[in-house]
C-alpha atoms as a PDB file:
ATOM      1  CA  MET A   1      -5.956  -8.904  22.590  1.00  0.00           C
ATOM      2  CA  ALA A   2      -7.314 -11.003  19.715  1.00  0.00           C
ATOM      3  CA  LYS A   3      -8.587  -7.872  17.968  1.00  0.00           C
ATOM      4  CA  PHE A   4      -5.049  -6.479  17.711  1.00  0.00           C
ATOM      5  CA  PHE A   5      -3.255  -9.807  17.360  1.00  0.00           C
ATOM      6  CA  PRO A   6      -5.541 -12.278  15.564  1.00  0.00           C
ATOM      7  CA  LYS A   7      -4.609 -15.940  15.658  1.00  0.00           C
ATOM      8  CA  THR A   8      -2.632 -16.945  12.576  1.00  0.00           C
ATOM      9  CA  GLU A   9      -3.151 -20.187  10.748  1.00  0.00           C
ATOM     10  CA  ILE A  10      -0.752 -22.400   8.852  1.00  0.00           C
ATOM     11  CA  VAL A  11      -1.504 -22.656   5.133  1.00  0.00           C
ATOM     12  CA  ASP A  12      -1.316 -26.100   3.532  1.00  0.00           C
ATOM     13  CA  PHE A  13       0.387 -25.960   0.123  1.00  0.00           C
ATOM     14  CA  ASN A  14       0.451 -29.752  -0.348  1.00  0.00           C
ATOM     15  CA  ASN A  15      -2.484 -29.672  -2.767  1.00  0.00           C
ATOM     16  CA  ILE A  16      -0.632 -27.457  -5.258  1.00  0.00           C
ATOM     17  CA  THR A  17       0.425 -29.594  -8.223  1.00  0.00           C
ATOM     18  CA  LEU A  18       2.749 -28.908 -11.131  1.00  0.00           C
ATOM     19  CA  GLU A  19      -0.335 -28.798 -13.340  1.00  0.00           C
ATOM     20  CA  ALA A  20      -1.843 -26.047 -11.211  1.00  0.00           C
ATOM     21  CA  ILE A  21       1.388 -24.065 -11.366  1.00  0.00           C
ATOM     22  CA  ALA A  22       1.527 -24.456 -15.156  1.00  0.00           C
ATOM     23  CA  LYS A  23      -1.991 -23.013 -15.439  1.00  0.00           C
ATOM     24  CA  GLN A  24      -1.033 -19.814 -13.632  1.00  0.00           C
ATOM     25  CA  ARG A  25      -1.300 -16.686 -15.690  1.00  0.00           C
ATOM     26  CA  ILE A  26       1.737 -14.497 -16.094  1.00  0.00           C
ATOM     27  CA  PHE A  27       1.018 -10.790 -16.093  1.00  0.00           C
ATOM     28  CA  ASN A  28       3.231  -8.614 -18.230  1.00  0.00           C
ATOM     29  CA  ILE A  29       3.664  -5.478 -16.150  1.00  0.00           C
ATOM     30  CA  SER A  30       5.925  -2.677 -17.264  1.00  0.00           C
ATOM     31  CA  PRO A  31       8.468  -1.651 -14.621  1.00  0.00           C
ATOM     32  CA  THR A  32       8.365   1.933 -15.891  1.00  0.00           C
ATOM     33  CA  ILE A  33       6.125   4.184 -13.863  1.00  0.00           C
ATOM     34  CA  LEU A  34       4.926   7.166 -15.869  1.00  0.00           C
ATOM     35  CA  THR A  35       5.006  10.666 -14.406  1.00  0.00           C
ATOM     36  CA  GLU A  36       1.288  11.027 -15.159  1.00  0.00           C
ATOM     37  CA  GLU A  37       0.460   7.927 -13.128  1.00  0.00           C
ATOM     38  CA  ILE A  38       2.497   8.890 -10.089  1.00  0.00           C
ATOM     39  CA  SER A  39       1.255  12.481 -10.247  1.00  0.00           C
ATOM     40  CA  LYS A  40      -2.357  11.297 -10.305  1.00  0.00           C
ATOM     41  CA  LEU A  41      -1.779   9.008  -7.307  1.00  0.00           C
ATOM     42  CA  ILE A  42      -0.185  11.812  -5.305  1.00  0.00           C
ATOM     43  CA  ASN A  43      -2.904  14.311  -6.180  1.00  0.00           C
ATOM     44  CA  ASN A  44      -5.532  11.809  -4.973  1.00  0.00           C
ATOM     45  CA  LEU A  45      -3.954  11.617  -1.497  1.00  0.00           C
ATOM     46  CA  LEU A  46      -6.274  13.080   1.113  1.00  0.00           C
ATOM     47  CA  ASN A  47      -5.216  16.245   2.925  1.00  0.00           C
ATOM     48  CA  GLY A  48      -5.471  16.342   6.701  1.00  0.00           C
ATOM     49  CA  LYS A  49      -4.235  12.797   7.278  1.00  0.00           C
ATOM     50  CA  ALA A  50      -1.741  11.918  10.028  1.00  0.00           C
ATOM     51  CA  LEU A  51       1.921  12.527   9.247  1.00  0.00           C
ATOM     52  CA  GLY A  52       3.964   9.528   8.243  1.00  0.00           C
ATOM     53  CA  LEU A  53       7.459   8.760   9.472  1.00  0.00           C
ATOM     54  CA  ASP A  54       8.924  11.215   6.970  1.00  0.00           C
ATOM     55  CA  GLY A  55       6.875  14.056   8.497  1.00  0.00           C
ATOM     56  CA  ILE A  56       5.571  15.267   5.116  1.00  0.00           C
ATOM     57  CA  LEU A  57       1.997  16.545   4.923  1.00  0.00           C
ATOM     58  CA  ASN A  58       0.047  15.343   1.882  1.00  0.00           C
ATOM     59  CA  LYS A  59      -0.827  18.969   1.075  1.00  0.00           C
ATOM     60  CA  ILE A  60       2.865  19.937   0.981  1.00  0.00           C
ATOM     61  CA  PHE A  61       3.862  16.804  -0.946  1.00  0.00           C
ATOM     62  CA  LYS A  62       1.350  17.700  -3.672  1.00  0.00           C
ATOM     63  CA  ILE A  63       3.091  21.059  -4.158  1.00  0.00           C
ATOM     64  CA  VAL A  64       6.666  19.738  -4.000  1.00  0.00           C
ATOM     65  CA  VAL A  65       5.911  16.932  -6.435  1.00  0.00           C
ATOM     66  CA  LEU A  66       5.371  19.492  -9.201  1.00  0.00           C
ATOM     67  CA  VAL A  67       9.111  20.216  -9.059  1.00  0.00           C
ATOM     68  CA  ILE A  68      10.441  16.662  -8.545  1.00  0.00           C
ATOM     69  CA  ILE A  69       7.962  14.549 -10.521  1.00  0.00           C
ATOM     70  CA  GLU A  70      10.448  13.413 -13.203  1.00  0.00           C
ATOM     71  CA  GLU A  71      13.038  12.270 -10.658  1.00  0.00           C
ATOM     72  CA  LEU A  72      10.391  10.702  -8.464  1.00  0.00           C
ATOM     73  CA  ALA A  73       9.045   8.650 -11.374  1.00  0.00           C
ATOM     74  CA  LYS A  74      12.579   7.445 -12.180  1.00  0.00           C
ATOM     75  CA  VAL A  75      13.233   6.436  -8.570  1.00  0.00           C
ATOM     76  CA  ALA A  76       9.861   4.699  -8.330  1.00  0.00           C
ATOM     77  CA  SER A  77      10.567   2.819 -11.583  1.00  0.00           C
ATOM     78  CA  CYS A  78      13.966   1.684 -10.266  1.00  0.00           C
ATOM     79  CA  TYR A  79      12.413   0.372  -7.052  1.00  0.00           C
ATOM     80  CA  PHE A  80       9.662  -1.359  -8.988  1.00  0.00           C
ATOM     81  CA  ALA A  81      12.011  -2.910 -11.582  1.00  0.00           C
ATOM     82  CA  SER A  82      14.548  -4.104  -9.005  1.00  0.00           C
ATOM     83  CA  ARG A  83      11.845  -5.336  -6.621  1.00  0.00           C
ATOM     84  CA  THR A  84      13.705  -3.739  -3.752  1.00  0.00           C
ATOM     85  CA  LEU A  85      12.948  -0.954  -1.349  1.00  0.00           C
ATOM     86  CA  LEU A  86      15.211   0.873   1.068  1.00  0.00           C
ATOM     87  CA  LYS A  87      14.956  -0.475   4.592  1.00  0.00           C
ATOM     88  CA  SER A  88      14.022   2.977   5.881  1.00  0.00           C
ATOM     89  CA  LEU A  89      11.030   3.063   3.518  1.00  0.00           C
ATOM     90  CA  LYS A  90       9.769  -0.224   4.953  1.00  0.00           C
ATOM     91  CA  GLU A  91       9.623   1.112   8.501  1.00  0.00           C
ATOM     92  CA  SER A  92       6.352   2.123  10.080  1.00  0.00           C
ATOM     93  CA  THR A  93       4.963   3.046  13.460  1.00  0.00           C
ATOM     94  CA  THR A  94       1.627   1.873  14.779  1.00  0.00           C
ATOM     95  CA  ILE A  95      -0.195   4.050  17.258  1.00  0.00           C
ATOM     96  CA  VAL A  96      -3.471   3.432  19.031  1.00  0.00           C
ATOM     97  CA  LEU A  97      -6.194   6.077  19.113  1.00  0.00           C
ATOM     98  CA  CYS A  98      -9.152   6.239  21.457  1.00  0.00           C
ATOM     99  CA  LYS A  99     -12.513   6.049  19.722  1.00  0.00           C
ATOM    100  CA  GLU A 100     -14.684   8.953  20.819  1.00  0.00           C
ATOM    101  CA  GLY A 101     -17.833   8.365  22.835  1.00  0.00           C
ATOM    102  CA  LYS A 102     -16.993   4.906  24.148  1.00  0.00           C
ATOM    103  CA  LYS A 103     -18.332   4.096  27.617  1.00  0.00           C
ATOM    104  CA  ASN A 104     -15.605   1.709  28.687  1.00  0.00           C
ATOM    105  CA  TYR A 105     -12.010   2.408  27.684  1.00  0.00           C
ATOM    106  CA  SER A 106     -10.794  -0.763  29.361  1.00  0.00           C
ATOM    107  CA  LEU A 107     -12.097  -2.688  26.309  1.00  0.00           C
ATOM    108  CA  LEU A 108      -9.900  -3.123  23.221  1.00  0.00           C
ATOM    109  CA  GLY A 109     -12.850  -2.237  20.971  1.00  0.00           C
ATOM    110  CA  SER A 110     -12.638   1.302  22.340  1.00  0.00           C
ATOM    111  CA  TYR A 111      -9.381   1.863  20.458  1.00  0.00           C
ATOM    112  CA  ARG A 112      -8.315   2.004  16.817  1.00  0.00           C
ATOM    113  CA  PRO A 113      -4.769   1.256  15.656  1.00  0.00           C
ATOM    114  CA  ILE A 114      -3.338   3.255  12.752  1.00  0.00           C
ATOM    115  CA  THR A 115      -0.050   2.725  10.955  1.00  0.00           C
ATOM    116  CA  LEU A 116       2.128   5.670  10.031  1.00  0.00           C
ATOM    117  CA  LYS A 117       4.157   4.997   6.875  1.00  0.00           C
ATOM    118  CA  ASN A 118       6.516   6.884   4.623  1.00  0.00           C
ATOM    119  CA  MET A 119       4.798   9.008   1.947  1.00  0.00           C
ATOM    120  CA  LEU A 120       6.519   7.244  -0.983  1.00  0.00           C
ATOM    121  CA  VAL A 121       5.493   3.832   0.327  1.00  0.00           C
ATOM    122  CA  LYS A 122       1.850   4.947   0.338  1.00  0.00           C
ATOM    123  CA  VAL A 123       2.149   6.002  -3.298  1.00  0.00           C
ATOM    124  CA  PHE A 124       3.982   2.796  -4.341  1.00  0.00           C
ATOM    125  CA  LYS A 125       1.422   0.651  -2.533  1.00  0.00           C
ATOM    126  CA  LYS A 126      -1.478   2.400  -4.264  1.00  0.00           C
ATOM    127  CA  TYR A 127       0.257   1.946  -7.643  1.00  0.00           C
ATOM    128  CA  ILE A 128       0.637  -1.804  -7.057  1.00  0.00           C
ATOM    129  CA  VAL A 129      -2.969  -2.125  -5.833  1.00  0.00           C
ATOM    130  CA  ASN A 130      -4.166  -0.418  -9.029  1.00  0.00           C
ATOM    131  CA  ILE A 131      -2.169  -2.890 -11.157  1.00  0.00           C
ATOM    132  CA  MET A 132      -3.605  -5.835  -9.234  1.00  0.00           C
ATOM    133  CA  ALA A 133      -7.173  -4.523  -9.519  1.00  0.00           C
ATOM    134  CA  LYS A 134      -6.745  -3.969 -13.261  1.00  0.00           C
ATOM    135  CA  ALA A 135      -5.376  -7.504 -13.743  1.00  0.00           C
ATOM    136  CA  ALA A 136      -8.152  -9.012 -11.604  1.00  0.00           C
ATOM    137  CA  LYS A 137     -10.771  -7.258 -13.706  1.00  0.00           C
ATOM    138  CA  GLU A 138      -9.091  -7.995 -17.049  1.00  0.00           C
ATOM    139  CA  TYR A 139      -8.599 -11.704 -16.341  1.00  0.00           C
ATOM    140  CA  ARG A 140     -11.879 -12.073 -14.418  1.00  0.00           C
ATOM    141  CA  LEU A 141     -10.120 -13.393 -11.339  1.00  0.00           C
ATOM    142  CA  PHE A 142     -13.076 -12.468  -9.148  1.00  0.00           C
ATOM    143  CA  SER A 143     -16.767 -12.458  -9.898  1.00  0.00           C
ATOM    144  CA  TRP A 144     -17.695  -8.780  -9.869  1.00  0.00           C
ATOM    145  CA  ASN A 145     -21.290  -7.811  -9.142  1.00  0.00           C
END
């Protein structure tokens, strides 16, 4: 069970001082998501992946987005600027798949959990990850090899 439900630990924030907080960098991130950015993210989605809760195939979404890209960018910008997301977009379902070729399916290692999410959430998440990666590189937050 530990593979699916790892033990959580309590984080100690007592060593954070006002000086440490003052040294934090503030990243100026525009809340406006450009149509080019969101279009690129959608076009990079892999075809043939499992359907999310919305039931939209990536292949179909790539075609439909050509018609709704302007509106989609506006909606995404509103979510990003307001820092809110509809409750229905936050929902997900986790299913467990059998790994092929395992000798003993009574072991947890013989299974792989996957999470099915809404298509827009996948795109928003990728957008935010790209911003974080860019900031980490720009401000040298990690030592890159």
